[in-house]
Amino acid sequence: MPTVQPKTAYEPIPAQRVAFIGLGVMGWPMAAHVALAGHEVTVYNRTMAKAEALAQAMAERGQCRVRVATTPREAAQGAAFVMTCVGADADLRSVILGSDGVLAGVDAGAVLVDHTTASAEVARELHAAAQALGCHFLDAPVSGGQSGAEQGRLTIMVGGDAEPFERARPVMMAYARAVTHLGPSGAGQLTKMVNQICIAGLLQGLAEALAFGQRAGLDMPRVLEVIRQGAAQSWQMDHRGLTMLEDRFDFGFAVDWMRKDLGLVLQEARRNGARLPVTALVDQFYADVQAMGGGRWDTSSLIRRLR
């Protein structure tokens, strides 16, 4: 199970009743941080054992406010805030709109906060469905990966209405370092797409640069130390440069998930007319990595194609 590193201090706000649905490598530590911040947390996960394990882990830390629900509907009952972090659009529709979904049990006025990386289309659909029942929906994808979730230092980009955003922001700060409202429903997901476009192109450039330097016979760890002091510096270079040189990829954000995200990006580009030639090419390079058996490798594994 993911580890959780408690933050030095959580934002001091009155305890809230929070439901958290989806306890994968991101959702588990995010839900744990909400409990560690002192909120009453009810969790649901499709694999019940994960929910029970989280409740047990929090009890062992002296956090006894985590309850396990058997359906999203049960988890949402009485909650002021319902957080979701699932796989894709279909999963999201199931846990929100299903007969035992969140909207079947949530109270009027509650704020639904979705941390899934999904389409802007489904965000707008669920925003409308929530509004029809007197609730609120925020699309709030995250950046920072598993380590950011474990440390409570995620960056969250949010679309939706301003008033429910202001209510939900202090709760999200339990697992974030920055939470920013970017516009109406769908704006959070569109911003995450911008984020993924940047990362895909940057990683391919970094992979090519490192492979070139190795072919040229350079002392690449030393080269990295030099160029990261200049304009080429990036988070990916700082955190993935050496592991790429060492051919280590058994960690981080999986290629399978990046391909899912880039699929959303390219679908949106077809809709809005944006031209993304580099992104489309890197998506195919990731398909090559999948064909090499690297679906669960970190996204920095693009360099494997060049060796």
C-alpha atoms as a PDB file:
ATOM      1  CA  MET A   1       0.000   0.000   0.000  1.00  0.00           C
ATOM      2  CA  PRO A   2       1.177   3.604  -0.545  1.00  0.00           C
ATOM      3  CA  THR A   3       2.991   5.289   2.309  1.00  0.00           C
ATOM      4  CA  VAL A   4       1.853   8.580   3.829  1.00  0.00           C
ATOM      5  CA  GLN A   5       4.154  11.261   5.147  1.00  0.00           C
ATOM      6  CA  PRO A   6       2.107  13.529   7.462  1.00  0.00           C
ATOM      7  CA  LYS A   7       2.470  17.229   6.740  1.00  0.00           C
ATOM      8  CA  THR A   8       4.112  19.458   9.331  1.00  0.00           C
ATOM      9  CA  ALA A   9       0.849  21.379   9.679  1.00  0.00           C
ATOM     10  CA  TYR A  10      -2.611  21.056   8.156  1.00  0.00           C
ATOM     11  CA  GLU A  11      -4.829  24.031   7.466  1.00  0.00           C
ATOM     12  CA  PRO A  12      -6.792  24.680  10.674  1.00  0.00           C
ATOM     13  CA  ILE A  13     -10.451  24.452   9.668  1.00  0.00           C
ATOM     14  CA  PRO A  14     -13.490  22.962  11.415  1.00  0.00           C
ATOM     15  CA  ALA A  15     -13.790  19.204  10.958  1.00  0.00           C
ATOM     16  CA  GLN A  16     -15.849  18.291   7.900  1.00  0.00           C
ATOM     17  CA  ARG A  17     -17.645  15.110   6.868  1.00  0.00           C
ATOM     18  CA  VAL A  18     -15.788  13.909   3.792  1.00  0.00           C
ATOM     19  CA  ALA A  19     -16.325  10.902   1.538  1.00  0.00           C
ATOM     20  CA  PHE A  20     -13.379   9.640  -0.527  1.00  0.00           C
ATOM     21  CA  ILE A  21     -14.047   7.231  -3.386  1.00  0.00           C
ATOM     22  CA  GLY A  22     -11.171   5.466  -5.135  1.00  0.00           C
ATOM     23  CA  LEU A  23      -8.138   4.340  -3.142  1.00  0.00           C
ATOM     24  CA  GLY A  24      -5.441   3.674  -5.714  1.00  0.00           C
ATOM     25  CA  VAL A  25      -1.857   4.865  -5.498  1.00  0.00           C
ATOM     26  CA  MET A  26      -3.129   8.462  -5.485  1.00  0.00           C
ATOM     27  CA  GLY A  27      -6.450   8.187  -3.671  1.00  0.00           C
ATOM     28  CA  TRP A  28      -5.113   6.197  -0.714  1.00  0.00           C
ATOM     29  CA  PRO A  29      -2.624   8.844   0.511  1.00  0.00           C
ATOM     30  CA  MET A  30      -4.981  11.699  -0.351  1.00  0.00           C
ATOM     31  CA  ALA A  31      -7.749  10.167   1.776  1.00  0.00           C
ATOM     32  CA  ALA A  32      -5.238   9.479   4.543  1.00  0.00           C
ATOM     33  CA  HIS A  33      -4.190  13.140   4.611  1.00  0.00           C
ATOM     34  CA  VAL A  34      -7.836  14.190   4.938  1.00  0.00           C
ATOM     35  CA  ALA A  35      -8.143  11.937   8.001  1.00  0.00           C
ATOM     36  CA  LEU A  36      -4.833  13.158   9.433  1.00  0.00           C
ATOM     37  CA  ALA A  37      -6.120  16.728   9.093  1.00  0.00           C
ATOM     38  CA  GLY A  38      -8.880  15.830  11.546  1.00  0.00           C
ATOM     39  CA  HIS A  39     -11.880  15.386   9.254  1.00  0.00           C
ATOM     40  CA  GLU A  40     -14.475  12.620   9.495  1.00  0.00           C
ATOM     41  CA  VAL A  41     -13.752  10.405   6.507  1.00  0.00           C
ATOM     42  CA  THR A  42     -15.815   7.665   4.901  1.00  0.00           C
ATOM     43  CA  VAL A  43     -14.045   5.695   2.173  1.00  0.00           C
ATOM     44  CA  TYR A  44     -15.206   3.456  -0.632  1.00  0.00           C
ATOM     45  CA  ASN A  45     -13.129   1.365  -2.995  1.00  0.00           C
ATOM     46  CA  ARG A  46     -14.187  -1.241  -5.524  1.00  0.00           C
ATOM     47  CA  THR A  47     -11.743  -3.641  -3.844  1.00  0.00           C
ATOM     48  CA  MET A  48     -13.099  -3.522  -0.298  1.00  0.00           C
ATOM     49  CA  ALA A  49      -9.885  -4.817   1.242  1.00  0.00           C
ATOM     50  CA  LYS A  50      -8.107  -1.561   0.339  1.00  0.00           C
ATOM     51  CA  ALA A  51     -10.736   0.512   2.127  1.00  0.00           C
ATOM     52  CA  GLU A  52     -10.539  -1.702   5.196  1.00  0.00           C
ATOM     53  CA  ALA A  53      -6.734  -1.551   5.158  1.00  0.00           C
ATOM     54  CA  LEU A  54      -6.794   2.245   5.068  1.00  0.00           C
ATOM     55  CA  ALA A  55      -9.242   2.394   7.968  1.00  0.00           C
ATOM     56  CA  GLN A  56      -6.985   0.041   9.934  1.00  0.00           C
ATOM     57  CA  ALA A  57      -3.864   2.041   9.098  1.00  0.00           C
ATOM     58  CA  MET A  58      -5.483   5.256  10.314  1.00  0.00           C
ATOM     59  CA  ALA A  59      -6.701   3.563  13.497  1.00  0.00           C
ATOM     60  CA  GLU A  60      -3.138   2.458  14.188  1.00  0.00           C
ATOM     61  CA  ARG A  61      -2.014   6.087  13.856  1.00  0.00           C
ATOM     62  CA  GLY A  62      -4.661   7.109  16.366  1.00  0.00           C
ATOM     63  CA  GLN A  63      -6.945   8.447  13.613  1.00  0.00           C
ATOM     64  CA  CYS A  64     -10.237   6.727  14.371  1.00  0.00           C
ATOM     65  CA  ARG A  65     -12.516   8.770  12.103  1.00  0.00           C
ATOM     66  CA  VAL A  66     -12.272   6.590   8.986  1.00  0.00           C
ATOM     67  CA  ARG A  67     -15.350   4.542   8.183  1.00  0.00           C
ATOM     68  CA  VAL A  68     -15.750   2.057   5.325  1.00  0.00           C
ATOM     69  CA  ALA A  69     -18.803   2.181   3.035  1.00  0.00           C
ATOM     70  CA  THR A  70     -20.010  -0.635   0.800  1.00  0.00           C
ATOM     71  CA  THR A  71     -21.207   1.610  -2.073  1.00  0.00           C
ATOM     72  CA  PRO A  72     -20.503   5.150  -3.321  1.00  0.00           C
ATOM     73  CA  ARG A  73     -24.099   5.971  -2.421  1.00  0.00           C
ATOM     74  CA  GLU A  74     -23.538   4.986   1.211  1.00  0.00           C
ATOM     75  CA  ALA A  75     -20.221   6.861   1.345  1.00  0.00           C
ATOM     76  CA  ALA A  76     -21.835  10.075   0.098  1.00  0.00           C
ATOM     77  CA  GLN A  77     -24.720  10.096   2.579  1.00  0.00           C
ATOM     78  CA  GLY A  78     -24.322  12.997   4.989  1.00  0.00           C
ATOM     79  CA  ALA A  79     -21.006  14.144   3.495  1.00  0.00           C
ATOM     80  CA  ALA A  80     -20.382  17.843   2.892  1.00  0.00           C
ATOM     81  CA  PHE A  81     -17.633  16.974   0.418  1.00  0.00           C
ATOM     82  CA  VAL A  82     -17.303  13.917  -1.820  1.00  0.00           C
ATOM     83  CA  MET A  83     -13.886  13.347  -3.403  1.00  0.00           C
ATOM     84  CA  THR A  84     -13.420  10.886  -6.255  1.00  0.00           C
ATOM     85  CA  CYS A  85     -10.205   9.560  -7.784  1.00  0.00           C
ATOM     86  CA  VAL A  86     -10.880   6.725 -10.217  1.00  0.00           C
ATOM     87  CA  GLY A  87      -9.557   5.500 -13.557  1.00  0.00           C
ATOM     88  CA  ALA A  88     -11.364   7.090 -16.493  1.00  0.00           C
ATOM     89  CA  ASP A  89     -14.646   8.561 -17.771  1.00  0.00           C
ATOM     90  CA  ALA A  90     -16.570   5.277 -17.603  1.00  0.00           C
ATOM     91  CA  ASP A  91     -15.483   4.628 -14.003  1.00  0.00           C
ATOM     92  CA  LEU A  92     -16.426   8.164 -13.058  1.00  0.00           C
ATOM     93  CA  ARG A  93     -19.883   7.923 -14.576  1.00  0.00           C
ATOM     94  CA  SER A  94     -20.400   4.623 -12.744  1.00  0.00           C
ATOM     95  CA  VAL A  95     -19.506   5.906  -9.269  1.00  0.00           C
ATOM     96  CA  ILE A  96     -21.365   9.214  -9.707  1.00  0.00           C
ATOM     97  CA  LEU A  97     -24.411   8.353 -11.837  1.00  0.00           C
ATOM     98  CA  GLY A  98     -24.977   4.652 -11.106  1.00  0.00           C
ATOM     99  CA  SER A  99     -27.961   3.349  -9.160  1.00  0.00           C
ATOM    100  CA  ASP A 100     -25.675   3.028  -6.126  1.00  0.00           C
ATOM    101  CA  GLY A 101     -23.642   6.085  -7.125  1.00  0.00           C
ATOM    102  CA  VAL A 102     -22.845   9.308  -5.327  1.00  0.00           C
ATOM    103  CA  LEU A 103     -25.805  11.287  -6.672  1.00  0.00           C
ATOM    104  CA  ALA A 104     -28.209   8.629  -5.379  1.00  0.00           C
ATOM    105  CA  GLY A 105     -27.125   9.327  -1.815  1.00  0.00           C
ATOM    106  CA  VAL A 106     -25.636  12.801  -1.556  1.00  0.00           C
ATOM    107  CA  ASP A 107     -27.373  15.654   0.261  1.00  0.00           C
ATOM    108  CA  ALA A 108     -28.355  18.873  -1.493  1.00  0.00           C
ATOM    109  CA  GLY A 109     -25.635  21.493  -1.217  1.00  0.00           C
ATOM    110  CA  ALA A 110     -22.766  19.002  -1.072  1.00  0.00           C
ATOM    111  CA  VAL A 111     -19.662  19.615  -3.155  1.00  0.00           C
ATOM    112  CA  LEU A 112     -18.355  16.816  -5.379  1.00  0.00           C
ATOM    113  CA  VAL A 113     -14.640  17.149  -6.154  1.00  0.00           C
ATOM    114  CA  ASP A 114     -13.267  14.857  -8.849  1.00  0.00           C
ATOM    115  CA  HIS A 115      -9.512  14.245  -8.980  1.00  0.00           C
ATOM    116  CA  THR A 116      -9.659  11.785 -11.882  1.00  0.00           C
ATOM    117  CA  THR A 117      -7.839  12.795 -15.050  1.00  0.00           C
ATOM    118  CA  ALA A 118     -10.833  12.609 -17.363  1.00  0.00           C
ATOM    119  CA  SER A 119     -12.367  14.424 -20.320  1.00  0.00           C
ATOM    120  CA  ALA A 120     -13.696  17.955 -20.155  1.00  0.00           C
ATOM    121  CA  GLU A 121     -16.877  16.531 -21.659  1.00  0.00           C
ATOM    122  CA  VAL A 122     -17.604  14.240 -18.703  1.00  0.00           C
ATOM    123  CA  ALA A 123     -16.764  17.053 -16.290  1.00  0.00           C
ATOM    124  CA  ARG A 124     -19.443  19.258 -17.852  1.00  0.00           C
ATOM    125  CA  GLU A 125     -21.907  16.359 -17.914  1.00  0.00           C
ATOM    126  CA  LEU A 126     -21.453  15.632 -14.211  1.00  0.00           C
ATOM    127  CA  HIS A 127     -21.515  19.328 -13.335  1.00  0.00           C
ATOM    128  CA  ALA A 128     -24.971  19.559 -14.941  1.00  0.00           C
ATOM    129  CA  ALA A 129     -26.177  16.363 -13.252  1.00  0.00           C
ATOM    130  CA  ALA A 130     -25.077  17.613  -9.838  1.00  0.00           C
ATOM    131  CA  GLN A 131     -26.669  21.031 -10.387  1.00  0.00           C
ATOM    132  CA  ALA A 132     -29.972  19.364 -11.229  1.00  0.00           C
ATOM    133  CA  LEU A 133     -29.988  17.870  -7.715  1.00  0.00           C
ATOM    134  CA  GLY A 134     -28.910  21.063  -5.969  1.00  0.00           C
ATOM    135  CA  CYS A 135     -25.282  19.932  -5.581  1.00  0.00           C
ATOM    136  CA  HIS A 136     -21.981  21.176  -6.985  1.00  0.00           C
ATOM    137  CA  PHE A 137     -19.304  19.471  -9.073  1.00  0.00           C
ATOM    138  CA  LEU A 138     -15.681  20.522  -9.467  1.00  0.00           C
ATOM    139  CA  ASP A 139     -13.275  18.906 -11.925  1.00  0.00           C
ATOM    140  CA  ALA A 140      -9.963  18.962 -10.076  1.00  0.00           C
ATOM    141  CA  PRO A 141      -7.228  16.824 -11.661  1.00  0.00           C
ATOM    142  CA  VAL A 142      -3.875  16.778  -9.932  1.00  0.00           C
ATOM    143  CA  SER A 143      -0.184  16.913 -10.791  1.00  0.00           C
ATOM    144  CA  GLY A 144       2.674  15.665  -8.648  1.00  0.00           C
ATOM    145  CA  GLY A 145       2.395  11.908  -8.946  1.00  0.00           C
ATOM    146  CA  GLN A 146       2.376   9.318  -6.189  1.00  0.00           C
ATOM    147  CA  SER A 147       5.176  11.026  -4.252  1.00  0.00           C
ATOM    148  CA  GLY A 148       3.247  14.314  -4.283  1.00  0.00           C
ATOM    149  CA  ALA A 149       0.150  12.530  -2.972  1.00  0.00           C
ATOM    150  CA  GLU A 150       2.124  10.778  -0.238  1.00  0.00           C
ATOM    151  CA  GLN A 151       3.754  14.038   0.873  1.00  0.00           C
ATOM    152  CA  GLY A 152       0.533  16.039   0.621  1.00  0.00           C
ATOM    153  CA  ARG A 153       2.120  18.351  -1.977  1.00  0.00           C
ATOM    154  CA  LEU A 154      -0.056  17.966  -5.057  1.00  0.00           C
ATOM    155  CA  THR A 155      -0.868  20.776  -7.463  1.00  0.00           C
ATOM    156  CA  ILE A 156      -4.615  20.854  -8.135  1.00  0.00           C
ATOM    157  CA  MET A 157      -6.194  22.603 -11.135  1.00  0.00           C
ATOM    158  CA  VAL A 158      -9.908  23.221 -10.701  1.00  0.00           C
ATOM    159  CA  GLY A 159     -12.856  23.945 -12.967  1.00  0.00           C
ATOM    160  CA  GLY A 160     -16.359  24.751 -11.782  1.00  0.00           C
ATOM    161  CA  ASP A 161     -18.224  27.425  -9.865  1.00  0.00           C
ATOM    162  CA  ALA A 162     -16.322  29.816  -7.607  1.00  0.00           C
ATOM    163  CA  GLU A 163     -18.407  29.525  -4.427  1.00  0.00           C
ATOM    164  CA  PRO A 164     -18.163  25.724  -3.989  1.00  0.00           C
ATOM    165  CA  PHE A 165     -14.488  25.963  -4.936  1.00  0.00           C
ATOM    166  CA  GLU A 166     -13.862  28.329  -2.020  1.00  0.00           C
ATOM    167  CA  ARG A 167     -15.650  25.925   0.316  1.00  0.00           C
ATOM    168  CA  ALA A 168     -13.715  22.895  -0.905  1.00  0.00           C
ATOM    169  CA  ARG A 169     -10.273  24.491  -1.176  1.00  0.00           C
ATOM    170  CA  PRO A 170      -9.340  24.183   2.543  1.00  0.00           C
ATOM    171  CA  VAL A 171     -10.190  20.463   2.495  1.00  0.00           C
ATOM    172  CA  MET A 172      -8.107  19.902  -0.651  1.00  0.00           C
ATOM    173  CA  MET A 173      -5.184  21.674   0.995  1.00  0.00           C
ATOM    174  CA  ALA A 174      -4.851  18.629   3.268  1.00  0.00           C
ATOM    175  CA  TYR A 175      -3.083  16.908   0.364  1.00  0.00           C
ATOM    176  CA  ALA A 176      -1.975  19.835  -1.798  1.00  0.00           C
ATOM    177  CA  ARG A 177       0.579  22.608  -1.910  1.00  0.00           C
ATOM    178  CA  ALA A 178      -1.401  24.637  -4.473  1.00  0.00           C
ATOM    179  CA  VAL A 179      -5.107  24.639  -5.369  1.00  0.00           C
ATOM    180  CA  THR A 180      -6.113  27.017  -8.161  1.00  0.00           C
ATOM    181  CA  HIS A 181      -9.497  27.860  -9.664  1.00  0.00           C
ATOM    182  CA  LEU A 182      -9.083  28.192 -13.433  1.00  0.00           C
ATOM    183  CA  GLY A 183     -12.572  28.812 -14.762  1.00  0.00           C
ATOM    184  CA  PRO A 184     -15.901  27.130 -15.459  1.00  0.00           C
ATOM    185  CA  SER A 185     -16.626  23.422 -15.571  1.00  0.00           C
ATOM    186  CA  GLY A 186     -14.055  21.575 -17.689  1.00  0.00           C
ATOM    187  CA  ALA A 187     -11.269  24.135 -17.158  1.00  0.00           C
ATOM    188  CA  GLY A 188      -9.478  21.895 -14.678  1.00  0.00           C
ATOM    189  CA  GLN A 189      -9.374  18.974 -17.097  1.00  0.00           C
ATOM    190  CA  LEU A 190      -8.267  21.194 -19.980  1.00  0.00           C
ATOM    191  CA  THR A 191      -5.452  22.581 -17.825  1.00  0.00           C
ATOM    192  CA  LYS A 192      -4.325  19.044 -16.987  1.00  0.00           C
ATOM    193  CA  MET A 193      -4.198  18.361 -20.725  1.00  0.00           C
ATOM    194  CA  VAL A 194      -1.876  21.348 -21.155  1.00  0.00           C
ATOM    195  CA  ASN A 195       0.246  19.889 -18.356  1.00  0.00           C
ATOM    196  CA  GLN A 196       0.501  16.491 -20.052  1.00  0.00           C
ATOM    197  CA  ILE A 197       1.371  18.016 -23.432  1.00  0.00           C
ATOM    198  CA  CYS A 198       4.284  19.811 -21.772  1.00  0.00           C
ATOM    199  CA  ILE A 199       5.514  16.685 -19.969  1.00  0.00           C
ATOM    200  CA  ALA A 200       5.315  14.419 -23.029  1.00  0.00           C
ATOM    201  CA  GLY A 201       7.358  16.731 -25.228  1.00  0.00           C
ATOM    202  CA  LEU A 202       9.857  17.494 -22.494  1.00  0.00           C
ATOM    203  CA  LEU A 203      10.505  13.835 -21.702  1.00  0.00           C
ATOM    204  CA  GLN A 204      11.080  12.964 -25.351  1.00  0.00           C
ATOM    205  CA  GLY A 205      13.568  15.830 -25.634  1.00  0.00           C
ATOM    206  CA  LEU A 206      15.328  14.715 -22.454  1.00  0.00           C
ATOM    207  CA  ALA A 207      15.452  11.101 -23.682  1.00  0.00           C
ATOM    208  CA  GLU A 208      16.988  12.164 -26.988  1.00  0.00           C
ATOM    209  CA  ALA A 209      19.539  14.424 -25.276  1.00  0.00           C
ATOM    210  CA  LEU A 210      20.691  11.713 -22.856  1.00  0.00           C
ATOM    211  CA  ALA A 211      20.883   9.057 -25.570  1.00  0.00           C
ATOM    212  CA  PHE A 212      22.871  11.452 -27.768  1.00  0.00           C
ATOM    213  CA  GLY A 213      25.298  12.253 -24.961  1.00  0.00           C
ATOM    214  CA  GLN A 214      25.848   8.582 -24.191  1.00  0.00           C
ATOM    215  CA  ARG A 215      26.527   7.839 -27.875  1.00  0.00           C
ATOM    216  CA  ALA A 216      29.025  10.703 -27.896  1.00  0.00           C
ATOM    217  CA  GLY A 217      30.896   9.135 -24.976  1.00  0.00           C
ATOM    218  CA  LEU A 218      30.280  11.960 -22.519  1.00  0.00           C
ATOM    219  CA  ASP A 219      30.279  11.611 -18.724  1.00  0.00           C
ATOM    220  CA  MET A 220      26.514  12.049 -18.599  1.00  0.00           C
ATOM    221  CA  PRO A 221      25.994  12.370 -14.823  1.00  0.00           C
ATOM    222  CA  ARG A 222      28.499  15.210 -14.934  1.00  0.00           C
ATOM    223  CA  VAL A 223      26.816  16.692 -18.020  1.00  0.00           C
ATOM    224  CA  LEU A 224      23.472  16.633 -16.210  1.00  0.00           C
ATOM    225  CA  GLU A 225      24.969  18.396 -13.205  1.00  0.00           C
ATOM    226  CA  VAL A 226      26.227  21.159 -15.494  1.00  0.00           C
ATOM    227  CA  ILE A 227      23.202  21.706 -17.748  1.00  0.00           C
ATOM    228  CA  ARG A 228      20.686  21.617 -14.921  1.00  0.00           C
ATOM    229  CA  GLN A 229      22.252  24.869 -13.725  1.00  0.00           C
ATOM    230  CA  GLY A 230      21.116  26.569 -16.948  1.00  0.00           C
ATOM    231  CA  ALA A 231      18.129  27.015 -19.232  1.00  0.00           C
ATOM    232  CA  ALA A 232      17.657  23.274 -19.858  1.00  0.00           C
ATOM    233  CA  GLN A 233      16.770  22.609 -16.210  1.00  0.00           C
ATOM    234  CA  SER A 234      13.392  21.012 -15.458  1.00  0.00           C
ATOM    235  CA  TRP A 235      11.690  18.897 -12.792  1.00  0.00           C
ATOM    236  CA  GLN A 236      12.019  15.896 -15.073  1.00  0.00           C
ATOM    237  CA  MET A 237      15.756  16.461 -15.497  1.00  0.00           C
ATOM    238  CA  ASP A 238      16.256  16.894 -11.750  1.00  0.00           C
ATOM    239  CA  HIS A 239      14.193  13.850 -10.756  1.00  0.00           C
ATOM    240  CA  ARG A 240      14.463  11.485 -13.721  1.00  0.00           C
ATOM    241  CA  GLY A 241      17.755  12.288 -15.467  1.00  0.00           C
ATOM    242  CA  LEU A 242      19.969   9.957 -13.438  1.00  0.00           C
ATOM    243  CA  THR A 243      17.419   7.142 -13.302  1.00  0.00           C
ATOM    244  CA  MET A 244      17.088   7.333 -17.082  1.00  0.00           C
ATOM    245  CA  LEU A 245      20.867   6.972 -17.388  1.00  0.00           C
ATOM    246  CA  GLU A 246      20.702   4.008 -14.987  1.00  0.00           C
ATOM    247  CA  ASP A 247      17.875   2.401 -16.995  1.00  0.00           C
ATOM    248  CA  ARG A 248      15.554   2.339 -13.952  1.00  0.00           C
ATOM    249  CA  PHE A 249      11.820   2.751 -14.569  1.00  0.00           C
ATOM    250  CA  ASP A 250      10.042   0.612 -11.945  1.00  0.00           C
ATOM    251  CA  PHE A 251       8.413   3.607 -10.239  1.00  0.00           C
ATOM    252  CA  GLY A 252       6.527   6.800 -10.992  1.00  0.00           C
ATOM    253  CA  PHE A 253       3.693   7.597 -13.412  1.00  0.00           C
ATOM    254  CA  ALA A 254       2.992   4.598 -15.635  1.00  0.00           C
ATOM    255  CA  VAL A 255       3.156   4.695 -19.424  1.00  0.00           C
ATOM    256  CA  ASP A 256      -0.339   3.134 -19.566  1.00  0.00           C
ATOM    257  CA  TRP A 257      -1.744   6.108 -17.693  1.00  0.00           C
ATOM    258  CA  MET A 258       0.128   8.634 -19.823  1.00  0.00           C
ATOM    259  CA  ARG A 259      -1.311   7.043 -22.966  1.00  0.00           C
ATOM    260  CA  LYS A 260      -4.785   7.340 -21.471  1.00  0.00           C
ATOM    261  CA  ASP A 261      -4.145  11.023 -20.750  1.00  0.00           C
ATOM    262  CA  LEU A 262      -2.698  11.716 -24.200  1.00  0.00           C
ATOM    263  CA  GLY A 263      -5.717  10.008 -25.731  1.00  0.00           C
ATOM    264  CA  LEU A 264      -7.899  12.579 -23.971  1.00  0.00           C
ATOM    265  CA  VAL A 265      -5.610  15.365 -25.193  1.00  0.00           C
ATOM    266  CA  LEU A 266      -5.724  14.250 -28.816  1.00  0.00           C
ATOM    267  CA  GLN A 267      -9.493  13.735 -28.675  1.00  0.00           C
ATOM    268  CA  GLU A 268      -9.945  17.290 -27.391  1.00  0.00           C
ATOM    269  CA  ALA A 269      -7.549  18.612 -30.048  1.00  0.00           C
ATOM    270  CA  ARG A 270      -9.652  17.021 -32.768  1.00  0.00           C
ATOM    271  CA  ARG A 271     -12.668  18.774 -31.297  1.00  0.00           C
ATOM    272  CA  ASN A 272     -11.135  22.242 -30.915  1.00  0.00           C
ATOM    273  CA  GLY A 273      -8.845  22.202 -33.945  1.00  0.00           C
ATOM    274  CA  ALA A 274      -5.529  22.448 -32.071  1.00  0.00           C
ATOM    275  CA  ARG A 275      -2.501  21.106 -33.950  1.00  0.00           C
ATOM    276  CA  LEU A 276      -0.385  18.769 -31.802  1.00  0.00           C
ATOM    277  CA  PRO A 277       2.126  17.043 -34.093  1.00  0.00           C
ATOM    278  CA  VAL A 278       4.778  16.437 -31.413  1.00  0.00           C
ATOM    279  CA  THR A 279       2.243  15.172 -28.877  1.00  0.00           C
ATOM    280  CA  ALA A 280       0.762  12.747 -31.415  1.00  0.00           C
ATOM    281  CA  LEU A 281       4.241  11.456 -32.236  1.00  0.00           C
ATOM    282  CA  VAL A 282       5.224  10.976 -28.592  1.00  0.00           C
ATOM    283  CA  ASP A 283       1.945   9.142 -27.998  1.00  0.00           C
ATOM    284  CA  GLN A 284       3.044   6.649 -30.650  1.00  0.00           C
ATOM    285  CA  PHE A 285       6.464   6.386 -29.027  1.00  0.00           C
ATOM    286  CA  TYR A 286       4.706   5.441 -25.796  1.00  0.00           C
ATOM    287  CA  ALA A 287       2.801   2.796 -27.758  1.00  0.00           C
ATOM    288  CA  ASP A 288       6.211   1.400 -28.746  1.00  0.00           C
ATOM    289  CA  VAL A 289       7.205   1.274 -25.064  1.00  0.00           C
ATOM    290  CA  GLN A 290       3.985  -0.600 -24.277  1.00  0.00           C
ATOM    291  CA  ALA A 291       4.826  -3.095 -27.037  1.00  0.00           C
ATOM    292  CA  MET A 292       8.207  -3.603 -25.331  1.00  0.00           C
ATOM    293  CA  GLY A 293       6.362  -4.662 -22.168  1.00  0.00           C
ATOM    294  CA  GLY A 294       6.734  -1.287 -20.482  1.00  0.00           C
ATOM    295  CA  GLY A 295       3.126  -0.355 -19.806  1.00  0.00           C
ATOM    296  CA  ARG A 296       3.847  -0.034 -16.080  1.00  0.00           C
ATOM    297  CA  TRP A 297       7.235   1.637 -16.467  1.00  0.00           C
ATOM    298  CA  ASP A 298       7.648   5.298 -15.550  1.00  0.00           C
ATOM    299  CA  THR A 299       7.026   7.761 -18.385  1.00  0.00           C
ATOM    300  CA  SER A 300      10.753   8.552 -18.520  1.00  0.00           C
ATOM    301  CA  SER A 301      11.201   5.118 -20.140  1.00  0.00           C
ATOM    302  CA  LEU A 302      10.929   6.803 -23.565  1.00  0.00           C
ATOM    303  CA  ILE A 303      14.727   6.514 -23.670  1.00  0.00           C
ATOM    304  CA  ARG A 304      14.416   2.711 -23.966  1.00  0.00           C
ATOM    305  CA  ARG A 305      13.294   3.163 -27.591  1.00  0.00           C
ATOM    306  CA  LEU A 306      16.564   4.915 -28.411  1.00  0.00           C
ATOM    307  CA  ARG A 307      18.935   2.265 -27.065  1.00  0.00           C
END
